[in-house]
Structure formats: C-alpha cells, structure tokens
Amino acid sequence: MKPVTFDEKDLKKIFRIDNAYSRTVRYVRRGAQSLVFLVVVFAVSFYGINFPAFWQRLRYNIGDTTAVSAPAPITQATPAAPLPVYDPTVTISKIGITAPIIFGVAAADIESQLKNGVVYYQDTALPGEIGNTVLVGHSSDYPWDTGAYKNIFALLDKLTAGDQIQVSYEHQILTYSVTENKIVKPNEVSVLKKTDQPTLTLVTCYPVGTSRNRLIIRAGLTSGTATGVQTSDPTTTSLPTPR
C-alpha cells in the first residue's frame, strides 16, 4: 500500500474554514493588499516625477538657505542719457528666483514656452501700466522635459502679504508688494481681468505636480512710474496649465 503523507499545506486545506464569512474576509484582505500596493506605486511614481520641485520645497522648509540663495537685489540705475534698457525679468528674493519674461506668446503656446522662463499673458497690462499684468510659470514639469525654468514657481505659495517682487522692463525696475495669495479653480478667469491700479498677477498650477487648481499671487505697484493704461482683457474660458 502506498504510504499517505501530509504536509503543512494539506493540513491547512483540511482545517480551513470555508463559509461566506471567511470568503468575504479573504476577499477584503486581498483587496486591501492590492489597494496598498497601488497607493505605494502611485506615491513613488508621483514624487519621483516631481522630485526636483519637492526637493527644493523640502530644503526651503528645513531652512537650507542654499535652496533659495537670493540673487543680488536689483538697484535702480541712475538716469542718464541714454536711459538704460533692462532685459524683461522677474525677481523674487524671498524664494531665490530670477527668470526672464517671455513676450509675444499666444495663449495656446504658453505651455511650450515655459521652459524658457516666465510667460507674459497676452492682452493683459504691460509691466508698469495701470491694469493687471499677468505672468505664468511652472511649479513642476516632467523630468524628461528640457528647460532651466520648469520648477521656477515651486515655492510661490511661500509668499505672504508684504513680500517684494521686482520686474525689470524697458527703462524701469518696478517693485510690487504682495497683497493676496489664493487658490482658484482653472475656470476662474476673473483673475486675468483689468484692474484700476497697476497690479501684478502670478499664476501657476497647485498643488505642485498637479494641474487641479491654480495658485494666484496678486501684488500692487509700490515703486516705479505707472506708464500707460491697459486697453483690453484676454478672452478665454480657462486659465493656462503651467503644471
């Protein structure tokens, strides 16, 4: 007669409870394990893709001053003949950024130009004009995309009332003081509309690494001469997507 042997697996089958309750418990356990696995994969992928932006934010939060080494403050040149002509630039010393402002970009082409700097939104006020000057920048872009400015606005949410923003344009260096920091939905196009005072509006996607909402920074002109008046409003149904 052939000897009968039992191993641990056979014993578990014999004594395994197989009823509706036990089957439900097993299904729930497997579902929970699958969910945990998917969450871990998503988290690793998300933070891996947006690592440069989150690394910059971490260094800022722990007080690493090298993360936001402030550029040398721009000083107003003494008027002379001929007057100096400044390259269009935005500088925010608190979060250590300086970026060129790109003009002449259609609304549909903003995303493709963000790798070259911060994009001026057409049909808003020119810097220094009475009206609303809108600048759009990346908070985080895909690691395989090129460009030196794909995380330029990663720390924009750190700005609070009173923080200074400098914009150099043509013959002036304009200083704006932050008045508002808010989060809006992508269809909140009212933030692009004309204002009755020289205003600067910065736009980026929020939270970092997503395009779910838009972070809006508003600032008023505190230094510089207002020249000209905004004559038109942009016509659009949604804000740009500077991921």
Protein backbone atom coordinates (compact mmCIF):
# COMPACT_ATOMS: atom_id res chain seq x y z
CA MET A 1 0.00 0.00 0.00
CA LYS A 2 1.28 3.43 -0.95
CA PRO A 3 2.01 5.47 2.19
CA VAL A 4 -0.09 8.60 2.63
CA THR A 5 1.80 11.76 3.59
CA PHE A 6 0.59 15.13 4.70
CA ASP A 7 2.48 18.35 4.59
CA GLU A 8 1.61 21.74 6.11
CA LYS A 9 -0.32 22.84 3.02
CA ASP A 10 -2.56 19.72 3.17
CA LEU A 11 -3.29 20.32 6.85
CA LYS A 12 -4.29 23.93 6.15
CA LYS A 13 -6.73 22.72 3.47
CA ILE A 14 -8.33 20.21 5.87
CA PHE A 15 -8.84 22.69 8.69
CA ARG A 16 -9.56 25.72 6.52
CA ILE A 17 -12.93 27.26 7.28
CA ASP A 18 -14.84 27.77 4.06
CA ASN A 19 -18.05 29.71 4.59
CA ALA A 20 -19.46 33.01 3.35
CA TYR A 21 -17.88 34.98 6.19
CA SER A 22 -14.38 33.52 5.72
CA ARG A 23 -14.54 34.02 1.97
CA THR A 24 -15.56 37.67 2.46
CA VAL A 25 -12.68 38.20 4.87
CA ARG A 26 -10.23 36.73 2.35
CA TYR A 27 -11.58 38.92 -0.46
CA VAL A 28 -11.38 42.05 1.69
CA ARG A 29 -7.82 41.18 2.73
CA ARG A 30 -6.75 40.68 -0.87
CA GLY A 31 -8.47 43.92 -1.92
CA ALA A 32 -6.73 45.85 0.86
CA GLN A 33 -3.35 44.42 -0.11
CA SER A 34 -3.93 45.39 -3.75
CA LEU A 35 -5.01 48.90 -2.75
CA VAL A 36 -1.94 49.41 -0.57
CA PHE A 37 0.26 48.23 -3.43
CA LEU A 38 -1.37 50.66 -5.88
CA VAL A 39 -1.06 53.57 -3.43
CA VAL A 40 2.63 52.84 -2.91
CA VAL A 41 3.26 52.62 -6.66
CA PHE A 42 1.39 55.89 -7.27
CA ALA A 43 3.23 57.73 -4.48
CA VAL A 44 6.65 56.54 -5.65
CA SER A 45 5.85 57.48 -9.25
CA PHE A 46 4.36 60.91 -8.37
CA TYR A 47 7.20 62.01 -6.10
CA GLY A 48 9.77 60.54 -8.47
CA ILE A 49 8.45 62.53 -11.41
CA ASN A 50 8.27 65.77 -9.38
CA PHE A 51 11.40 65.14 -7.29
CA PRO A 52 13.25 68.40 -8.21
CA ALA A 53 10.32 70.59 -7.13
CA PHE A 54 9.67 68.70 -3.88
CA TRP A 55 13.41 68.60 -3.07
CA GLN A 56 13.50 72.37 -3.49
CA ARG A 57 10.48 72.76 -1.19
CA LEU A 58 11.98 70.40 1.44
CA ARG A 59 15.24 72.35 1.55
CA TYR A 60 13.29 75.57 1.94
CA ASN A 61 11.18 74.15 4.80
CA ILE A 62 14.20 72.92 6.77
CA GLY A 63 15.87 76.30 6.44
CA ASP A 64 18.57 75.41 3.93
CA THR A 65 19.48 78.86 2.65
CA THR A 66 21.32 77.42 -0.34
CA ALA A 67 17.96 76.19 -1.65
CA VAL A 68 16.81 79.75 -2.18
CA SER A 69 20.01 81.70 -2.33
CA ALA A 70 18.65 85.14 -3.06
CA PRO A 71 20.01 86.86 -6.12
CA ALA A 72 21.73 90.16 -5.64
CA PRO A 73 18.99 92.80 -5.33
CA ILE A 74 18.45 94.87 -8.42
CA THR A 75 19.17 98.52 -7.88
CA GLN A 76 17.71 101.32 -9.91
CA ALA A 77 20.29 102.69 -12.29
CA THR A 78 20.93 106.41 -12.13
CA PRO A 79 19.05 108.04 -15.02
CA ALA A 80 21.43 109.01 -17.75
CA ALA A 81 21.44 109.72 -21.43
CA PRO A 82 20.65 107.38 -22.99
CA LEU A 83 18.37 105.70 -20.45
CA PRO A 84 19.26 102.10 -19.56
CA VAL A 85 17.20 99.40 -21.22
CA TYR A 86 16.61 96.38 -18.97
CA ASP A 87 16.01 92.84 -20.09
CA PRO A 88 12.46 91.79 -19.08
CA THR A 89 12.98 89.89 -15.83
CA VAL A 90 11.06 88.94 -12.71
CA THR A 91 12.93 88.56 -9.40
CA ILE A 92 11.58 87.31 -6.06
CA SER A 93 14.36 87.42 -3.47
CA LYS A 94 12.40 85.66 -0.71
CA ILE A 95 12.28 82.40 -2.68
CA GLY A 96 15.54 82.99 -4.55
CA ILE A 97 14.33 83.15 -8.15
CA THR A 98 15.13 85.24 -11.19
CA ALA A 99 13.65 84.44 -14.59
CA PRO A 100 13.33 86.13 -17.97
CA ILE A 101 9.86 87.24 -19.05
CA ILE A 102 8.87 85.88 -22.45
CA PHE A 103 6.65 88.16 -24.55
CA GLY A 104 4.78 87.56 -27.79
CA VAL A 105 3.39 84.13 -26.87
CA ALA A 106 -0.18 83.19 -27.84
CA ALA A 107 -2.33 81.68 -25.08
CA ALA A 108 -2.31 78.29 -26.85
CA ASP A 109 1.51 78.24 -26.89
CA ILE A 110 2.19 79.21 -23.27
CA GLU A 111 3.00 75.69 -22.05
CA SER A 112 5.62 75.10 -24.75
CA GLN A 113 7.39 78.36 -23.87
CA LEU A 114 7.52 77.94 -20.09
CA LYS A 115 10.82 76.09 -20.40
CA ASN A 116 12.39 79.41 -21.46
CA GLY A 117 11.18 81.46 -18.49
CA VAL A 118 8.02 83.09 -17.18
CA VAL A 119 5.45 83.89 -19.88
CA TYR A 120 3.57 87.19 -20.18
CA TYR A 121 -0.14 86.60 -20.81
CA GLN A 122 -1.19 88.48 -23.93
CA ASP A 123 -3.81 91.25 -23.72
CA THR A 124 -3.07 91.94 -20.06
CA ALA A 125 -1.28 95.11 -18.93
CA LEU A 126 2.36 95.58 -19.76
CA PRO A 127 4.59 95.88 -16.67
CA GLY A 128 4.03 99.27 -15.07
CA GLU A 129 0.75 100.01 -16.82
CA ILE A 130 -2.44 100.78 -14.92
CA GLY A 131 -4.13 97.40 -15.17
CA ASN A 132 -3.37 93.75 -14.50
CA THR A 133 -0.01 92.33 -15.63
CA VAL A 134 -0.23 88.52 -15.68
CA LEU A 135 2.83 86.25 -15.66
CA VAL A 136 2.62 82.44 -15.88
CA GLY A 137 5.27 79.98 -14.67
CA HIS A 138 5.84 76.27 -13.99
CA SER A 139 5.65 74.84 -10.46
CA SER A 140 6.92 71.46 -11.66
CA ASP A 141 7.36 69.81 -15.03
CA TYR A 142 8.22 66.28 -16.15
CA PRO A 143 11.87 65.31 -15.56
CA TRP A 144 12.36 64.36 -19.20
CA ASP A 145 11.31 67.83 -20.40
CA THR A 146 14.10 70.31 -21.06
CA GLY A 147 14.45 73.85 -19.77
CA ALA A 148 16.01 75.68 -16.82
CA TYR A 149 12.71 77.12 -15.53
CA LYS A 150 10.43 74.10 -15.12
CA ASN A 151 10.36 74.49 -11.30
CA ILE A 152 10.58 78.29 -11.18
CA PHE A 153 7.35 78.74 -9.18
CA ALA A 154 7.69 75.63 -6.95
CA LEU A 155 7.90 77.87 -3.86
CA LEU A 156 5.42 80.53 -4.96
CA ASP A 157 2.95 79.55 -2.20
CA LYS A 158 5.51 80.72 0.39
CA LEU A 159 4.83 84.36 -0.48
CA THR A 160 2.77 86.37 2.00
CA ALA A 161 1.46 89.91 2.20
CA GLY A 162 4.23 92.48 2.02
CA ASP A 163 6.79 90.31 0.20
CA GLN A 164 8.53 92.13 -2.64
CA ILE A 165 8.57 91.21 -6.33
CA GLN A 166 10.76 93.13 -8.79
CA VAL A 167 10.07 93.35 -12.51
CA SER A 168 12.58 94.96 -14.83
CA TYR A 169 11.08 96.20 -18.06
CA GLU A 170 12.30 98.68 -20.66
CA HIS A 171 13.68 101.70 -18.71
CA GLN A 172 12.41 100.82 -15.23
CA ILE A 173 12.82 98.40 -12.37
CA LEU A 174 9.38 98.12 -10.82
CA THR A 175 8.71 96.89 -7.30
CA TYR A 176 5.43 95.22 -6.38
CA SER A 177 4.26 94.25 -2.88
CA VAL A 178 2.23 91.06 -2.40
CA THR A 179 -1.37 91.71 -1.34
CA GLU A 180 -3.03 88.32 -1.88
CA ASN A 181 -2.21 84.62 -2.02
CA LYS A 182 -5.13 82.41 -3.04
CA ILE A 183 -6.08 79.16 -4.78
CA VAL A 184 -8.72 79.12 -7.52
CA LYS A 185 -10.24 76.65 -9.96
CA PRO A 186 -8.95 76.51 -13.57
CA ASN A 187 -12.06 78.28 -14.86
CA GLU A 188 -11.67 81.30 -12.55
CA VAL A 189 -10.67 83.63 -15.40
CA SER A 190 -11.66 86.73 -13.45
CA VAL A 191 -8.09 86.84 -12.09
CA LEU A 192 -6.98 87.86 -15.63
CA LYS A 193 -9.30 90.87 -15.84
CA LYS A 194 -8.27 94.53 -15.83
CA THR A 195 -7.75 96.35 -12.55
CA ASP A 196 -7.89 100.07 -11.83
CA GLN A 197 -4.41 100.10 -10.25
CA PRO A 198 -1.02 98.81 -11.51
CA THR A 199 -1.24 95.16 -10.45
CA LEU A 200 0.97 92.10 -10.93
CA THR A 201 -0.63 88.62 -11.02
CA LEU A 202 1.48 85.44 -10.93
CA VAL A 203 -0.17 82.15 -11.98
CA THR A 204 0.99 78.56 -11.52
CA CYS A 205 -0.55 75.11 -11.01
CA TYR A 206 -1.26 73.87 -7.49
CA PRO A 207 -0.64 71.59 -5.64
CA VAL A 208 2.87 71.15 -7.02
CA GLY A 209 2.98 68.40 -9.62
CA THR A 210 -0.72 68.61 -10.48
CA SER A 211 -2.98 70.86 -12.56
CA ARG A 212 -6.05 70.53 -10.31
CA ASN A 213 -6.05 74.18 -9.14
CA ARG A 214 -4.24 77.45 -9.81
CA LEU A 215 -2.22 79.40 -7.27
CA ILE A 216 -2.67 83.15 -7.69
CA ILE A 217 -0.33 85.78 -6.25
CA ARG A 218 -1.53 89.38 -6.51
CA ALA A 219 0.76 92.35 -5.86
CA GLY A 220 0.44 96.11 -6.14
CA LEU A 221 3.00 98.56 -7.53
CA THR A 222 4.93 100.33 -4.76
CA SER A 223 7.97 101.66 -6.62
CA GLY A 224 8.24 102.83 -10.22
CA THR A 225 6.27 105.10 -12.51
CA ALA A 226 2.95 103.95 -13.92
CA THR A 227 3.02 104.42 -17.68
CA GLY A 228 0.01 103.81 -19.88
CA VAL A 229 -3.31 102.08 -19.29
CA GLN A 230 -4.44 98.55 -20.16
CA THR A 231 -6.88 98.71 -23.06
CA SER A 232 -8.09 95.12 -23.45
CA ASP A 233 -8.97 91.99 -21.50
CA PRO A 234 -7.90 88.49 -22.55
CA THR A 235 -10.72 86.36 -23.89
CA THR A 236 -10.52 82.82 -22.53
CA THR A 237 -12.65 80.29 -20.65
CA SER A 238 -9.89 78.70 -18.57
CA LEU A 239 -6.56 79.57 -17.02
CA PRO A 240 -3.33 78.21 -18.54
CA THR A 241 -1.90 74.91 -17.32
CA PRO A 242 1.65 75.65 -16.12
CA ARG A 243 1.99 72.26 -14.40
